[in-house]
Amino acid sequence: MKRLLTPDLARGAMLALIALVNSAVYLYGRPYGVRNHIVETDLTDRVVSALVVVFADSRAYPMFAFLFAYGVARMAPERARSRNVWLIVFGFVHAVLLFPGDVLGLYGLLGFGVIAMSRLRDRTLLVLAVGWLVLTAVIQGGAYSMPSNGERSFFWSFETADPLAALALHPVEWLMTPFGLLGVGAAALVGVWAARREVLAEPQRHRRLLRHVATWGITAAVLGGLPSGLAVAGVWHPGGLWLLAAVHAVTGVAGGLGYAALIGLLSTRIKRPNAVVRAIAACGERSLSCYLFQSVVFVLLLKPYTLGLGGTLGSAEVAVLALATWLVSVLLADLLRHRDMRGPAETLLRKARELRSSRA
């Protein structure tokens, strides 16, 4: 099957947002506040942390889920099942050794759901998506409604100096991760619906739909994320956190869909991809390797039992580090593209699937 520019471009750009979100989790050694973010005193750090919350937090992963479900829905079921199994394996290893907030395993499970959902009618898919959003609001609201006492409420391993003790916490934290990413289920349902209409494969035919989703989705994400952003920055001290978290989660799904639609719209203007577009798309084509590359860099630089920079960097500095890491991954992916090579993780995934098929 010929690769599509729009999904690869969207995945490549999305990894910049994921880098921003994940890198903030590595900060430690200071009191924690709303949404488990560290309490910043420097104005620049406060502004950056607010921007990350408004534009990326709970927005990047729904976009990823939409793109993932879109791709799985277009695959042959047998190929998709094999890929899902190995994503779960990759996710477990990634979570235990590097990042307990791993989503690969969750998306592997989600992939099996996508295969089952592909049999549902369009109307049923969209009704289920709305129902899932309600469930997301209830559970996410409860998860983030506990008033902060200055301590972490999850991901305790990120402030644990003993590497063995931190690694022992990783499996437990990995099992908690789905509760913080419930919104991806609704985005995946919409992804199946969009795949049937070839929305990203033929964005020119769906400009009006993409324009509406981009406009209203991103607007909802900004308006819904602004209260949480102001609270994280310490500008506003809300009395009730349940509604704050519920609105943030639901509008995050809208934002993820809006970002995907925006990339789709931009791709309709690209007649001949330039070097920048090709490099970002190369990153998206090798998104598994680039995602894992981020974890390796962040663990080496930020964890207490490595260089420990997470205990000294502020939100602005770690955001710069995150974007620099993403940029390096883009350049490395483009280098592989020039050599007509897959990413190392994609190569390993393909060999694992082929080995399993040969034994079947």
Protein backbone atom coordinates (compact mmCIF):
# COMPACT_ATOMS: atom_id res chain seq x y z
CA MET A 1 0.00 0.00 0.00
CA LYS A 2 1.38 3.40 -1.02
CA ARG A 3 2.24 5.63 1.94
CA LEU A 4 0.16 8.74 2.39
CA LEU A 5 1.82 12.10 3.01
CA THR A 6 -0.84 13.52 5.33
CA PRO A 7 -0.75 10.85 8.10
CA ASP A 8 3.07 10.71 8.07
CA LEU A 9 3.30 14.50 8.22
CA ALA A 10 0.77 14.59 11.05
CA ARG A 11 2.59 11.90 13.03
CA GLY A 12 5.92 13.65 12.58
CA ALA A 13 4.55 16.99 13.78
CA MET A 14 2.63 15.32 16.60
CA LEU A 15 5.84 13.89 18.04
CA ALA A 16 6.97 17.45 18.84
CA LEU A 17 3.88 17.87 21.05
CA ILE A 18 4.46 14.48 22.67
CA ALA A 19 8.05 15.46 23.45
CA LEU A 20 6.81 18.62 25.18
CA VAL A 21 4.24 16.72 27.25
CA ASN A 22 6.48 13.81 28.24
CA SER A 23 9.55 15.89 29.08
CA ALA A 24 7.60 17.90 31.67
CA VAL A 25 6.92 14.68 33.59
CA TYR A 26 10.66 14.30 34.26
CA LEU A 27 10.91 17.50 36.34
CA TYR A 28 11.25 16.82 40.06
CA GLY A 29 12.67 18.17 43.29
CA ARG A 30 10.07 20.90 43.71
CA PRO A 31 6.45 21.00 44.92
CA TYR A 32 3.83 19.65 42.54
CA GLY A 33 0.61 21.46 41.80
CA VAL A 34 -2.35 21.22 39.41
CA ARG A 35 -2.20 18.30 36.95
CA ASN A 36 0.96 17.03 38.67
CA HIS A 37 3.04 19.88 37.20
CA ILE A 38 5.83 21.36 39.26
CA VAL A 39 5.06 24.74 40.83
CA GLU A 40 7.19 27.30 38.99
CA THR A 41 8.26 30.71 40.31
CA ASP A 42 10.06 32.10 37.24
CA LEU A 43 7.72 33.98 34.87
CA THR A 44 9.11 32.38 31.71
CA ASP A 45 8.74 28.91 33.17
CA ARG A 46 5.18 29.65 34.21
CA VAL A 47 4.25 30.92 30.76
CA VAL A 48 5.80 27.92 29.01
CA SER A 49 4.15 25.42 31.34
CA ALA A 50 0.79 27.09 30.68
CA LEU A 51 1.32 26.95 26.90
CA VAL A 52 2.23 23.26 27.03
CA VAL A 53 -0.92 22.50 29.02
CA VAL A 54 -3.18 24.55 26.73
CA PHE A 55 -1.82 23.35 23.39
CA ALA A 56 -0.31 19.89 24.01
CA ASP A 57 -1.37 18.23 27.26
CA SER A 58 -4.22 15.75 26.55
CA ARG A 59 -4.21 16.99 22.95
CA ALA A 60 -1.22 15.18 21.41
CA TYR A 61 -2.18 11.64 22.37
CA PRO A 62 -5.77 11.83 21.04
CA MET A 63 -4.27 13.02 17.75
CA PHE A 64 -1.91 10.02 17.84
CA ALA A 65 -4.85 7.69 18.57
CA PHE A 66 -6.87 9.10 15.67
CA LEU A 67 -3.96 8.56 13.28
CA PHE A 68 -3.24 5.11 14.70
CA ALA A 69 -6.86 3.96 14.33
CA TYR A 70 -7.01 5.47 10.83
CA GLY A 71 -4.00 3.40 9.81
CA VAL A 72 -5.17 0.16 11.45
CA ALA A 73 -8.62 0.47 9.84
CA ARG A 74 -6.95 0.55 6.42
CA MET A 75 -4.80 -2.54 7.12
CA ALA A 76 -5.63 -6.15 6.41
CA PRO A 77 -6.96 -7.64 9.71
CA GLU A 78 -4.27 -10.32 9.97
CA ARG A 79 -1.47 -7.80 9.51
CA ALA A 80 -3.10 -5.46 12.03
CA ARG A 81 -3.44 -8.22 14.65
CA SER A 82 0.21 -9.19 14.35
CA ARG A 83 1.27 -5.55 14.61
CA ASN A 84 -0.91 -5.02 17.68
CA VAL A 85 0.59 -8.00 19.49
CA TRP A 86 4.12 -6.74 18.96
CA LEU A 87 3.19 -3.18 19.92
CA ILE A 88 2.07 -4.54 23.28
CA VAL A 89 5.41 -6.36 23.64
CA PHE A 90 7.37 -3.25 22.63
CA GLY A 91 5.27 -1.17 25.01
CA PHE A 92 5.95 -3.47 27.96
CA VAL A 93 9.71 -3.37 27.39
CA HIS A 94 9.64 0.40 26.88
CA ALA A 95 7.60 0.92 30.05
CA VAL A 96 9.71 -1.35 32.25
CA LEU A 97 13.09 -0.07 31.09
CA LEU A 98 12.48 3.57 30.17
CA PHE A 99 9.13 5.33 30.34
CA PRO A 100 6.20 3.97 32.40
CA GLY A 101 3.88 6.43 30.67
CA ASP A 102 4.30 4.34 27.49
CA VAL A 103 1.38 4.34 25.05
CA LEU A 104 2.55 1.66 22.63
CA GLY A 105 0.99 -1.14 24.68
CA LEU A 106 -2.21 0.83 25.11
CA TYR A 107 -2.43 1.44 21.38
CA GLY A 108 -1.72 -2.23 20.74
CA LEU A 109 -4.81 -3.07 22.80
CA LEU A 110 -6.67 -0.25 21.12
CA GLY A 111 -5.76 -1.76 17.76
CA PHE A 112 -7.74 -4.91 18.58
CA GLY A 113 -10.67 -2.68 19.46
CA VAL A 114 -10.31 -0.92 16.12
CA ILE A 115 -10.54 -4.25 14.28
CA ALA A 116 -13.76 -5.05 16.15
CA MET A 117 -15.13 -1.54 15.64
CA SER A 118 -14.59 -1.73 11.90
CA ARG A 119 -17.76 -3.82 11.73
CA LEU A 120 -19.93 -1.13 13.29
CA ARG A 121 -22.09 1.28 11.35
CA ASP A 122 -21.03 4.90 10.98
CA ARG A 123 -23.75 6.21 13.25
CA THR A 124 -22.86 3.68 15.93
CA LEU A 125 -19.20 4.71 15.81
CA LEU A 126 -20.02 8.38 16.37
CA VAL A 127 -22.58 7.65 19.11
CA LEU A 128 -20.01 5.49 20.91
CA ALA A 129 -17.43 8.28 20.54
CA VAL A 130 -19.77 10.73 22.28
CA GLY A 131 -20.51 8.20 25.03
CA TRP A 132 -16.79 7.58 25.49
CA LEU A 133 -16.25 11.32 25.89
CA VAL A 134 -18.76 11.37 28.75
CA LEU A 135 -16.94 8.48 30.43
CA THR A 136 -13.64 10.30 29.89
CA ALA A 137 -14.99 13.45 31.53
CA VAL A 138 -16.18 11.55 34.60
CA ILE A 139 -13.01 9.52 35.16
CA GLN A 140 -10.52 12.22 34.20
CA GLY A 141 -12.36 14.70 36.38
CA GLY A 142 -12.01 12.36 39.33
CA ALA A 143 -8.37 11.52 38.59
CA TYR A 144 -7.25 15.15 38.67
CA SER A 145 -9.69 16.51 41.25
CA MET A 146 -7.62 15.60 44.30
CA PRO A 147 -6.18 18.78 45.87
CA SER A 148 -2.39 18.83 45.69
CA ASN A 149 -0.37 18.59 48.88
CA GLY A 150 2.85 19.38 47.03
CA GLU A 151 3.65 15.74 46.29
CA ARG A 152 3.34 13.69 43.11
CA SER A 153 0.02 11.92 42.70
CA PHE A 154 1.38 9.48 40.11
CA PHE A 155 4.64 8.56 38.31
CA TRP A 156 6.58 8.44 41.60
CA SER A 157 9.54 6.74 39.90
CA PHE A 158 10.51 10.02 38.24
CA GLU A 159 11.71 11.38 41.57
CA THR A 160 13.21 8.11 42.82
CA ALA A 161 17.01 8.20 42.98
CA ASP A 162 17.50 4.44 43.36
CA PRO A 163 17.36 2.96 39.82
CA LEU A 164 16.20 -0.46 41.00
CA ALA A 165 13.42 1.04 43.11
CA ALA A 166 12.37 3.23 40.17
CA LEU A 167 12.31 0.27 37.78
CA ALA A 168 10.23 -1.71 40.26
CA LEU A 169 7.59 1.05 40.17
CA HIS A 170 7.43 1.16 36.37
CA PRO A 171 5.04 -1.79 35.79
CA VAL A 172 2.55 -0.42 38.31
CA GLU A 173 2.72 3.06 36.81
CA TRP A 174 2.29 1.61 33.31
CA LEU A 175 -0.95 -0.07 34.39
CA MET A 176 -2.20 3.30 35.66
CA THR A 177 -1.44 5.10 32.39
CA PRO A 178 -4.69 4.17 30.54
CA PHE A 179 -6.73 6.06 33.16
CA GLY A 180 -4.89 9.24 32.19
CA LEU A 181 -5.40 8.64 28.46
CA LEU A 182 -9.06 7.64 28.26
CA GLY A 183 -9.79 10.27 25.65
CA VAL A 184 -7.85 8.31 23.04
CA GLY A 185 -10.75 5.87 22.78
CA ALA A 186 -13.10 8.52 21.40
CA ALA A 187 -10.44 9.75 18.99
CA ALA A 188 -9.88 6.18 17.76
CA LEU A 189 -13.59 5.72 17.04
CA VAL A 190 -13.54 8.86 14.92
CA GLY A 191 -10.38 7.56 13.24
CA VAL A 192 -12.21 4.43 12.06
CA TRP A 193 -15.04 6.58 10.71
CA ALA A 194 -12.56 8.84 8.90
CA ALA A 195 -10.67 5.90 7.38
CA ARG A 196 -13.84 4.69 5.69
CA ARG A 197 -14.13 8.03 3.93
CA GLU A 198 -10.42 8.27 3.04
CA VAL A 199 -10.39 11.69 4.73
CA LEU A 200 -6.60 11.85 4.98
CA ALA A 201 -5.94 9.83 1.84
CA GLU A 202 -7.95 12.30 -0.24
CA PRO A 203 -7.94 15.54 1.78
CA GLN A 204 -8.82 17.63 -1.31
CA ARG A 205 -12.28 16.01 -1.36
CA HIS A 206 -12.86 16.76 2.31
CA ARG A 207 -11.64 20.33 2.62
CA ARG A 208 -14.89 21.65 4.06
CA LEU A 209 -15.01 18.93 6.73
CA LEU A 210 -11.33 19.41 7.57
CA ARG A 211 -11.77 23.17 7.78
CA HIS A 212 -14.67 22.88 10.22
CA VAL A 213 -12.94 20.26 12.40
CA ALA A 214 -9.69 22.24 12.48
CA THR A 215 -11.41 25.52 13.34
CA TRP A 216 -13.82 24.27 15.98
CA GLY A 217 -11.59 21.54 17.38
CA ILE A 218 -8.57 23.75 18.00
CA THR A 219 -10.74 26.60 19.28
CA ALA A 220 -12.41 24.24 21.76
CA ALA A 221 -9.02 22.89 22.84
CA VAL A 222 -7.62 26.36 23.51
CA LEU A 223 -10.70 27.60 25.38
CA GLY A 224 -11.02 24.34 27.31
CA GLY A 225 -7.32 24.16 28.13
CA LEU A 226 -6.86 27.79 29.13
CA PRO A 227 -8.34 27.39 32.66
CA SER A 228 -5.99 24.48 33.39
CA GLY A 229 -3.08 26.39 31.89
CA LEU A 230 -3.75 29.40 34.09
CA ALA A 231 -4.07 27.14 37.13
CA VAL A 232 -0.77 25.36 36.36
CA ALA A 233 0.92 28.75 35.93
CA GLY A 234 -0.39 29.86 39.31
CA VAL A 235 -2.37 32.76 37.83
CA TRP A 236 -5.69 31.29 38.89
CA HIS A 237 -6.56 29.13 41.88
CA PRO A 238 -9.79 27.26 41.06
CA GLY A 239 -12.02 26.02 43.82
CA GLY A 240 -13.19 22.86 42.09
CA LEU A 241 -10.78 20.77 40.06
CA TRP A 242 -13.24 18.12 38.83
CA LEU A 243 -14.91 20.31 36.23
CA LEU A 244 -11.56 21.81 35.27
CA ALA A 245 -10.07 18.38 34.52
CA ALA A 246 -13.21 17.08 32.80
CA VAL A 247 -13.37 20.04 30.40
CA HIS A 248 -9.64 19.80 29.74
CA ALA A 249 -9.90 16.12 28.79
CA VAL A 250 -12.95 16.43 26.54
CA THR A 251 -11.68 19.49 24.68
CA GLY A 252 -8.33 17.73 24.34
CA VAL A 253 -9.96 15.13 22.10
CA ALA A 254 -11.45 17.93 20.01
CA GLY A 255 -8.01 19.52 19.81
CA GLY A 256 -6.33 16.30 18.71
CA LEU A 257 -8.86 15.89 15.91
CA GLY A 258 -8.44 19.57 15.06
CA TYR A 259 -4.67 19.26 14.75
CA ALA A 260 -5.03 16.23 12.45
CA ALA A 261 -7.54 18.15 10.33
CA LEU A 262 -5.24 21.18 10.16
CA ILE A 263 -2.37 19.05 8.85
CA GLY A 264 -4.79 17.56 6.33
CA LEU A 265 -5.72 21.04 5.14
CA LEU A 266 -2.09 22.12 4.90
CA SER A 267 -1.24 19.01 2.89
CA THR A 268 -3.76 20.01 0.21
CA ARG A 269 -1.56 23.05 -0.49
CA ILE A 270 1.57 20.94 -0.90
CA LYS A 271 2.02 20.13 -4.56
CA ARG A 272 5.67 19.20 -4.29
CA PRO A 273 6.97 18.53 -0.75
CA ASN A 274 10.02 20.61 0.16
CA ALA A 275 12.93 19.42 2.30
CA VAL A 276 11.24 20.38 5.59
CA VAL A 277 8.00 18.58 4.75
CA ARG A 278 9.88 15.47 3.60
CA ALA A 279 11.95 15.41 6.79
CA ILE A 280 8.93 15.72 9.11
CA ALA A 281 7.06 13.09 7.09
CA ALA A 282 10.13 10.82 7.36
CA CYS A 283 9.90 11.22 11.13
CA GLY A 284 6.22 10.27 10.97
CA GLU A 285 7.00 7.23 8.84
CA ARG A 286 9.49 6.16 11.52
CA SER A 287 7.37 7.38 14.43
CA LEU A 288 7.99 4.28 16.55
CA SER A 289 11.77 4.77 16.46
CA CYS A 290 11.49 8.52 17.01
CA TYR A 291 9.12 8.05 19.96
CA LEU A 292 11.52 5.61 21.61
CA PHE A 293 14.46 7.91 20.84
CA GLN A 294 12.81 10.63 22.93
CA SER A 295 12.59 8.32 25.94
CA VAL A 296 16.25 7.34 25.67
CA VAL A 297 17.36 11.00 25.60
CA PHE A 298 15.07 12.07 28.44
CA VAL A 299 16.10 9.17 30.69
CA LEU A 300 19.80 9.75 30.08
CA LEU A 301 19.60 13.47 30.79
CA LEU A 302 16.76 14.01 33.25
CA LYS A 303 16.26 11.06 35.62
CA PRO A 304 17.66 11.33 39.20
CA TYR A 305 19.83 8.23 38.71
CA THR A 306 21.41 9.47 35.46
CA LEU A 307 22.51 13.07 34.87
CA GLY A 308 19.63 14.36 37.04
CA LEU A 309 18.89 17.51 35.02
CA GLY A 310 15.20 17.07 35.77
CA GLY A 311 15.95 18.35 39.26
CA THR A 312 17.44 21.63 38.06
CA LEU A 313 15.87 22.54 34.70
CA GLY A 314 12.73 24.66 34.59
CA SER A 315 9.71 24.20 32.34
CA ALA A 316 11.09 26.55 29.69
CA GLU A 317 14.48 24.84 29.58
CA VAL A 318 13.04 21.34 29.40
CA ALA A 319 10.70 22.47 26.61
CA VAL A 320 13.74 23.63 24.62
CA LEU A 321 15.36 20.26 25.29
CA ALA A 322 12.20 18.48 24.14
CA LEU A 323 12.00 20.39 20.87
CA ALA A 324 15.73 19.93 20.27
CA THR A 325 15.33 16.18 20.79
CA TRP A 326 12.43 16.12 18.34
CA LEU A 327 14.48 18.09 15.80
CA VAL A 328 17.38 15.64 16.08
CA SER A 329 14.96 12.76 15.55
CA VAL A 330 13.62 14.49 12.43
CA LEU A 331 17.13 14.90 11.05
CA LEU A 332 18.02 11.28 11.80
CA ALA A 333 14.78 10.06 10.19
CA ASP A 334 15.49 12.14 7.12
CA LEU A 335 18.97 10.67 6.92
CA LEU A 336 17.41 7.19 6.94
CA ARG A 337 14.97 8.31 4.25
CA HIS A 338 17.85 9.38 2.02
CA ARG A 339 19.34 5.91 2.48
CA ASP A 340 15.96 4.26 1.89
CA MET A 341 16.08 2.64 5.32
CA ARG A 342 13.41 2.01 7.93
CA GLY A 343 13.88 3.10 11.52
CA PRO A 344 15.53 0.52 13.80
CA ALA A 345 12.33 -0.08 15.78
CA GLU A 346 10.27 -0.44 12.59
CA THR A 347 12.84 -2.92 11.26
CA LEU A 348 12.70 -4.95 14.48
CA LEU A 349 8.89 -4.87 14.45
CA ARG A 350 8.80 -6.09 10.86
CA LYS A 351 11.25 -8.94 11.56
CA ALA A 352 9.27 -9.97 14.64
CA ARG A 353 6.07 -10.11 12.62
CA GLU A 354 7.73 -12.09 9.83
CA LEU A 355 9.17 -14.56 12.35
CA ARG A 356 5.76 -15.05 13.92
CA SER A 357 4.16 -15.54 10.49
CA SER A 358 6.77 -18.13 9.47
CA ARG A 359 6.03 -20.16 12.62
CA ALA A 360 2.26 -19.97 12.17
